[in-house]
Amino acid sequence: MNRILITRRALLPAVFFALASLIHAVEPESLVFCAYNVKNWLTMDRFDMATKKTLVASPKPEDEKRRVAEIIGAIKPQILGVCEIGTAEDLADLQAHLKKIGLDLPHTELAHGGDEHRRLALLSAFPITARNSQTSLTYQLDGKTMPFQRGILDATIRITPAFEVRFLGLHLKSKREVDEADQAQMRRHEARLLRKHMDSIFAADPKVRLLAYGDFNEHRNEPAIDTIMGDRQSDSAMLDVQLRDRQGEVWTHFWDSADTYSRLDYFFASRLLRPHLDYRRSFIYSSRDFDKASDHRPIVTTIRLEPFVSKVPAGAK
């Protein structure tokens, strides 16, 4: 009897540490979030530089897909937001490429706006607990009703029972000139619709941890960015999370035709999410052959479940 009692007592510490390890695994101290424009992971007409011919209704080349997956695999995000994905089948294809390299992100949200060809997607290792993507927003410009081209992906992810983050994925109108209207004005109107949507979120839940991310196709000093950030003194202000690569550079997009480098991809964080961002582990991913995957570079931030001591780096706005 004593021998059995001693054995049970000896097992108690082992059981305790096993349970503690299990809890630690279920409730991580932090998570990595990555936003990435994967450049036309969809079916479209493509110009083949080698043959100088147009390939009609062609998918993203397999070597580009593989390089996208390798880059994401090197970052190892638990949550991934992407621009320029196509159909649900394209999203499943991206998931399959990531799973091949050991990255399983089973929970997804797929959203679009007036343009149903290039969509937004969110992939997560954690469950999505709420979905409120905006797919039919419109605005008036020059007497015409215009659609918010890619809409707003809106999904809430529960990291632990006590910690949720609401993610807003964006891909504003490109800088390409179009016949319908002035491209800069189109972006400004889309930015206003985003700001209106964020204001409604804050009105319903002032304590929300909100992160807007994506390809905003706009420079930092343009009115659209100011609109998105809002009143700096307000509780609904959004922080521009300033990132750099390992060389100290801030550009996220390379336009080869013009040989120009620009910062077009952003994270904007709400006041209550800011203290949870670990700036030491937030960056622009740098790779010499990034252009073999996309014309954009991924942006990365680490979100800590407990507030971080150094909340905002010097110089952040």
Foldseek 3Di string as FASTA:
>chain_A
DVVVVVVVVVCVVVVVVVVVVVVCVLQPQWFKEKEEAQAAQAFAWDQDPVVRDIDGRHGDDPLLLLVVLVLCLVRQGQKYKYKFAADPVSVVVSQVSNVVSPRHFPEKDWFFEQARGIEIMMTHNFHWDDWDWAHYDWDADPNDIGMQGGGWGWTKTDSDPVDIAIEIEDAGQACDDDPPDHRLVRLQVNLLVLLVVLVVVCVVPVLHKYKYWYFSNDACPDPSNDSNQDDPPDQSGWWWQQAEAPVRHRFFFADVVVRDTGNGITMTIGPNQQQQWDRVSWHFYDDPVNVSRPRGTMTMIMGGPDGHPCRHDPPTD
